[in-house]
Amino acid sequence: MSKFAALLVMLCLLLPAAGYTDDGCCELAGDANDDGAVNLLDVTYIIDWIYKDGPEPPCFDQADADGRQGGHILDVTYLINYLYKNGPAPVCGTSGE
């Protein structure tokens, strides 16, 4: 396992996921900032939200790019993988409501 992958695993285990409630507003999976596009701005928006006390996403399900119900570093890596490594497309998270 590369050092980068090991670091990501450690971050995921040590850092709590950002909790949220949801109103089922997903229109474009991965569009964390709700500007109508999925791009690097969404990655930076999620990082700012989780680690810099930035504004919460307008729609949590859109920011939950990996569909695992939570705002965390895995959503960031999922979007980067999608945008730059031809990874799977983001999926809308589900709030369970």
N, C-alpha and C. Protein backbone atom coordinates (compact mmCIF):
# COMPACT_ATOMS: atom_id res chain seq x y z
N MET A 1 0.86 -1.17 0.00
CA MET A 1 0.00 0.00 0.00
C MET A 1 0.90 1.23 0.00
N SER A 2 0.59 2.19 -0.84
CA SER A 2 1.39 3.40 -0.92
C SER A 2 1.23 4.24 0.34
N LYS A 3 2.16 5.13 0.56
CA LYS A 3 2.09 6.01 1.74
C LYS A 3 0.85 6.89 1.67
N PHE A 4 0.49 7.34 0.47
CA PHE A 4 -0.70 8.18 0.30
C PHE A 4 -1.96 7.42 0.67
N ALA A 5 -2.07 6.19 0.20
CA ALA A 5 -3.25 5.38 0.52
C ALA A 5 -3.31 5.09 2.01
N ALA A 6 -2.17 4.81 2.62
CA ALA A 6 -2.14 4.56 4.06
C ALA A 6 -2.57 5.80 4.84
N LEU A 7 -2.14 6.98 4.38
CA LEU A 7 -2.53 8.22 5.03
C LEU A 7 -4.03 8.44 4.93
N LEU A 8 -4.61 8.17 3.77
CA LEU A 8 -6.05 8.34 3.60
C LEU A 8 -6.83 7.39 4.51
N VAL A 9 -6.37 6.17 4.62
CA VAL A 9 -7.03 5.21 5.50
C VAL A 9 -6.96 5.69 6.94
N MET A 10 -5.80 6.18 7.36
CA MET A 10 -5.65 6.68 8.73
C MET A 10 -6.56 7.87 8.97
N LEU A 11 -6.63 8.79 8.02
CA LEU A 11 -7.50 9.96 8.17
C LEU A 11 -8.95 9.54 8.31
N CYS A 12 -9.36 8.58 7.51
CA CYS A 12 -10.75 8.13 7.56
C CYS A 12 -11.09 7.48 8.90
N LEU A 13 -10.13 6.82 9.48
CA LEU A 13 -10.37 6.16 10.75
C LEU A 13 -10.30 7.12 11.94
N LEU A 14 -9.46 8.13 11.83
CA LEU A 14 -9.24 9.03 12.96
C LEU A 14 -10.15 10.24 12.99
N LEU A 15 -10.58 10.69 11.83
CA LEU A 15 -11.39 11.90 11.77
C LEU A 15 -12.87 11.55 11.73
N PRO A 16 -13.66 12.18 12.56
CA PRO A 16 -15.10 11.87 12.54
C PRO A 16 -15.76 12.39 11.27
N ALA A 17 -16.75 11.69 10.85
CA ALA A 17 -17.54 12.15 9.71
C ALA A 17 -18.42 13.30 10.15
N ALA A 18 -18.60 14.25 9.26
CA ALA A 18 -19.49 15.37 9.57
C ALA A 18 -20.92 14.86 9.52
N GLY A 19 -21.68 15.08 10.56
CA GLY A 19 -23.06 14.61 10.60
C GLY A 19 -23.99 15.57 9.91
N TYR A 20 -25.14 15.07 9.50
CA TYR A 20 -26.10 15.94 8.85
C TYR A 20 -27.48 15.33 8.83
N THR A 21 -28.44 16.19 8.54
CA THR A 21 -29.77 15.73 8.22
C THR A 21 -30.01 16.15 6.78
N ASP A 22 -31.08 15.69 6.18
CA ASP A 22 -31.24 15.94 4.76
C ASP A 22 -32.70 16.10 4.38
N ASP A 23 -32.92 16.81 3.30
CA ASP A 23 -34.29 17.00 2.81
C ASP A 23 -34.51 16.34 1.45
N GLY A 24 -33.60 15.45 1.04
CA GLY A 24 -33.76 14.73 -0.22
C GLY A 24 -33.70 15.62 -1.45
N CYS A 25 -32.71 16.51 -1.51
CA CYS A 25 -32.67 17.53 -2.56
C CYS A 25 -31.69 17.21 -3.68
N CYS A 26 -31.22 16.00 -3.80
CA CYS A 26 -30.16 15.69 -4.76
C CYS A 26 -30.64 15.85 -6.21
N GLU A 27 -29.97 16.75 -6.91
CA GLU A 27 -30.24 16.95 -8.33
C GLU A 27 -29.05 16.54 -9.19
N LEU A 28 -27.83 16.79 -8.69
CA LEU A 28 -26.61 16.44 -9.41
C LEU A 28 -25.60 15.88 -8.42
N ALA A 29 -25.43 14.58 -8.42
CA ALA A 29 -24.52 13.92 -7.48
C ALA A 29 -23.11 14.47 -7.62
N GLY A 30 -22.50 14.80 -6.48
CA GLY A 30 -21.14 15.33 -6.48
C GLY A 30 -21.05 16.84 -6.52
N ASP A 31 -22.16 17.50 -6.77
CA ASP A 31 -22.19 18.97 -6.86
C ASP A 31 -22.35 19.56 -5.46
N ALA A 32 -21.29 19.52 -4.68
CA ALA A 32 -21.34 19.91 -3.27
C ALA A 32 -21.73 21.37 -3.07
N ASN A 33 -21.28 22.25 -3.96
CA ASN A 33 -21.58 23.68 -3.80
C ASN A 33 -22.84 24.11 -4.55
N ASP A 34 -23.50 23.17 -5.20
CA ASP A 34 -24.78 23.41 -5.87
C ASP A 34 -24.72 24.51 -6.92
N ASP A 35 -23.63 24.48 -7.74
CA ASP A 35 -23.50 25.47 -8.80
C ASP A 35 -23.85 24.91 -10.17
N GLY A 36 -24.34 23.66 -10.18
CA GLY A 36 -24.76 23.06 -11.45
C GLY A 36 -23.69 22.30 -12.19
N ALA A 37 -22.50 22.12 -11.58
CA ALA A 37 -21.41 21.39 -12.23
C ALA A 37 -20.64 20.60 -11.17
N VAL A 38 -20.03 19.50 -11.60
CA VAL A 38 -19.17 18.72 -10.72
C VAL A 38 -17.74 18.97 -11.17
N ASN A 39 -16.95 19.61 -10.30
CA ASN A 39 -15.59 19.98 -10.66
C ASN A 39 -14.75 20.15 -9.40
N LEU A 40 -13.53 20.66 -9.57
CA LEU A 40 -12.60 20.84 -8.45
C LEU A 40 -13.16 21.77 -7.38
N LEU A 41 -14.04 22.68 -7.74
CA LEU A 41 -14.64 23.57 -6.75
C LEU A 41 -15.46 22.78 -5.72
N ASP A 42 -16.05 21.68 -6.14
CA ASP A 42 -16.80 20.83 -5.21
C ASP A 42 -15.86 20.13 -4.23
N VAL A 43 -14.71 19.71 -4.72
CA VAL A 43 -13.71 19.09 -3.85
C VAL A 43 -13.27 20.08 -2.78
N THR A 44 -12.93 21.30 -3.19
CA THR A 44 -12.47 22.30 -2.23
C THR A 44 -13.60 22.73 -1.28
N TYR A 45 -14.82 22.72 -1.76
CA TYR A 45 -15.97 23.07 -0.91
C TYR A 45 -16.12 22.05 0.23
N ILE A 46 -16.00 20.77 -0.10
CA ILE A 46 -16.13 19.73 0.92
C ILE A 46 -14.98 19.83 1.93
N ILE A 47 -13.76 20.05 1.44
CA ILE A 47 -12.61 20.18 2.34
C ILE A 47 -12.80 21.38 3.27
N ASP A 48 -13.24 22.49 2.71
CA ASP A 48 -13.48 23.69 3.52
C ASP A 48 -14.55 23.44 4.58
N TRP A 49 -15.61 22.73 4.19
CA TRP A 49 -16.71 22.42 5.12
C TRP A 49 -16.24 21.53 6.26
N ILE A 50 -15.51 20.47 5.93
CA ILE A 50 -15.12 19.50 6.94
C ILE A 50 -13.99 20.01 7.83
N TYR A 51 -12.97 20.61 7.24
CA TYR A 51 -11.76 20.92 8.00
C TYR A 51 -11.58 22.39 8.36
N LYS A 52 -12.32 23.28 7.73
CA LYS A 52 -12.13 24.71 7.97
C LYS A 52 -13.39 25.38 8.50
N ASP A 53 -14.36 24.61 8.93
CA ASP A 53 -15.64 25.16 9.41
C ASP A 53 -16.30 26.05 8.38
N GLY A 54 -16.18 25.67 7.12
CA GLY A 54 -16.84 26.41 6.05
C GLY A 54 -18.33 26.14 6.04
N PRO A 55 -19.04 26.78 5.14
CA PRO A 55 -20.49 26.60 5.08
C PRO A 55 -20.87 25.16 4.74
N GLU A 56 -21.99 24.72 5.32
CA GLU A 56 -22.50 23.39 5.00
C GLU A 56 -22.97 23.38 3.56
N PRO A 57 -22.94 22.22 2.93
CA PRO A 57 -23.46 22.11 1.56
C PRO A 57 -24.95 22.44 1.51
N PRO A 58 -25.39 23.10 0.45
CA PRO A 58 -26.82 23.38 0.32
C PRO A 58 -27.67 22.11 0.30
N CYS A 59 -27.11 21.03 -0.23
CA CYS A 59 -27.79 19.74 -0.26
C CYS A 59 -26.78 18.67 0.14
N PHE A 60 -26.96 18.09 1.31
CA PHE A 60 -26.01 17.11 1.81
C PHE A 60 -25.90 15.88 0.91
N ASP A 61 -27.02 15.44 0.33
CA ASP A 61 -26.97 14.26 -0.53
C ASP A 61 -26.09 14.48 -1.75
N GLN A 62 -26.04 15.69 -2.27
CA GLN A 62 -25.17 15.99 -3.41
C GLN A 62 -23.70 15.95 -3.01
N ALA A 63 -23.39 16.37 -1.79
CA ALA A 63 -22.01 16.37 -1.31
C ALA A 63 -21.54 14.98 -0.91
N ASP A 64 -22.47 14.07 -0.67
CA ASP A 64 -22.13 12.70 -0.30
C ASP A 64 -21.85 11.90 -1.56
N ALA A 65 -20.72 12.20 -2.20
CA ALA A 65 -20.41 11.67 -3.53
C ALA A 65 -20.27 10.16 -3.58
N ASP A 66 -19.87 9.55 -2.47
CA ASP A 66 -19.70 8.09 -2.48
C ASP A 66 -20.94 7.36 -1.98
N GLY A 67 -21.96 8.11 -1.54
CA GLY A 67 -23.22 7.51 -1.12
C GLY A 67 -23.18 6.80 0.22
N ARG A 68 -22.19 7.12 1.06
CA ARG A 68 -22.04 6.42 2.34
C ARG A 68 -22.63 7.18 3.53
N GLN A 69 -23.46 8.13 3.27
CA GLN A 69 -24.17 8.88 4.31
C GLN A 69 -23.25 9.58 5.30
N GLY A 70 -22.54 10.56 4.85
CA GLY A 70 -21.72 11.37 5.72
C GLY A 70 -20.76 12.21 4.91
N GLY A 71 -20.41 13.35 5.45
CA GLY A 71 -19.42 14.18 4.79
C GLY A 71 -18.05 13.84 5.36
N HIS A 72 -17.17 13.28 4.55
CA HIS A 72 -15.87 12.86 5.02
C HIS A 72 -14.86 12.85 3.89
N ILE A 73 -13.63 12.55 4.24
CA ILE A 73 -12.54 12.58 3.27
C ILE A 73 -12.77 11.61 2.12
N LEU A 74 -13.53 10.55 2.34
CA LEU A 74 -13.79 9.62 1.25
C LEU A 74 -14.59 10.26 0.12
N ASP A 75 -15.43 11.23 0.43
CA ASP A 75 -16.14 11.95 -0.63
C ASP A 75 -15.16 12.77 -1.47
N VAL A 76 -14.17 13.34 -0.82
CA VAL A 76 -13.15 14.10 -1.53
C VAL A 76 -12.36 13.19 -2.47
N THR A 77 -11.88 12.06 -1.95
CA THR A 77 -11.09 11.16 -2.78
C THR A 77 -11.95 10.55 -3.89
N TYR A 78 -13.22 10.30 -3.61
CA TYR A 78 -14.13 9.77 -4.63
C TYR A 78 -14.27 10.75 -5.79
N LEU A 79 -14.45 12.04 -5.47
CA LEU A 79 -14.59 13.05 -6.52
C LEU A 79 -13.30 13.24 -7.31
N ILE A 80 -12.17 13.24 -6.61
CA ILE A 80 -10.89 13.36 -7.31
C ILE A 80 -10.68 12.18 -8.25
N ASN A 81 -11.00 10.99 -7.77
CA ASN A 81 -10.89 9.79 -8.61
C ASN A 81 -11.79 9.90 -9.84
N TYR A 82 -13.01 10.40 -9.65
CA TYR A 82 -13.94 10.58 -10.77
C TYR A 82 -13.43 11.62 -11.76
N LEU A 83 -13.00 12.75 -11.25
CA LEU A 83 -12.61 13.87 -12.11
C LEU A 83 -11.30 13.64 -12.86
N TYR A 84 -10.33 12.99 -12.20
CA TYR A 84 -8.98 12.93 -12.77
C TYR A 84 -8.46 11.53 -13.07
N LYS A 85 -9.18 10.50 -12.65
CA LYS A 85 -8.70 9.12 -12.86
C LYS A 85 -9.74 8.24 -13.55
N ASN A 86 -10.78 8.85 -14.13
CA ASN A 86 -11.85 8.10 -14.79
C ASN A 86 -12.52 7.10 -13.86
N GLY A 87 -12.67 7.48 -12.60
CA GLY A 87 -13.34 6.63 -11.62
C GLY A 87 -14.85 6.65 -11.81
N PRO A 88 -15.56 5.90 -10.99
CA PRO A 88 -17.02 5.85 -11.12
C PRO A 88 -17.65 7.21 -10.82
N ALA A 89 -18.76 7.46 -11.45
CA ALA A 89 -19.48 8.72 -11.27
C ALA A 89 -20.03 8.82 -9.86
N PRO A 90 -20.12 10.03 -9.33
CA PRO A 90 -20.71 10.21 -8.00
C PRO A 90 -22.15 9.71 -7.97
N VAL A 91 -22.57 9.32 -6.78
CA VAL A 91 -23.95 8.88 -6.58
C VAL A 91 -24.58 9.79 -5.51
N CYS A 92 -25.86 9.96 -5.58
CA CYS A 92 -26.53 10.75 -4.56
C CYS A 92 -26.58 9.97 -3.26
N GLY A 93 -26.23 10.63 -2.18
CA GLY A 93 -26.37 10.02 -0.87
C GLY A 93 -27.84 9.85 -0.54
N THR A 94 -28.10 9.06 0.44
CA THR A 94 -29.49 8.89 0.88
C THR A 94 -29.58 9.21 2.35
N SER A 95 -30.55 9.97 2.70
CA SER A 95 -30.70 10.40 4.08
C SER A 95 -31.47 9.39 4.92
N GLY A 96 -32.08 8.43 4.30
CA GLY A 96 -32.86 7.44 5.02
C GLY A 96 -34.25 7.93 5.38
N GLU A 97 -34.63 9.10 4.91
CA GLU A 97 -35.97 9.64 5.19
C GLU A 97 -36.92 9.35 4.06
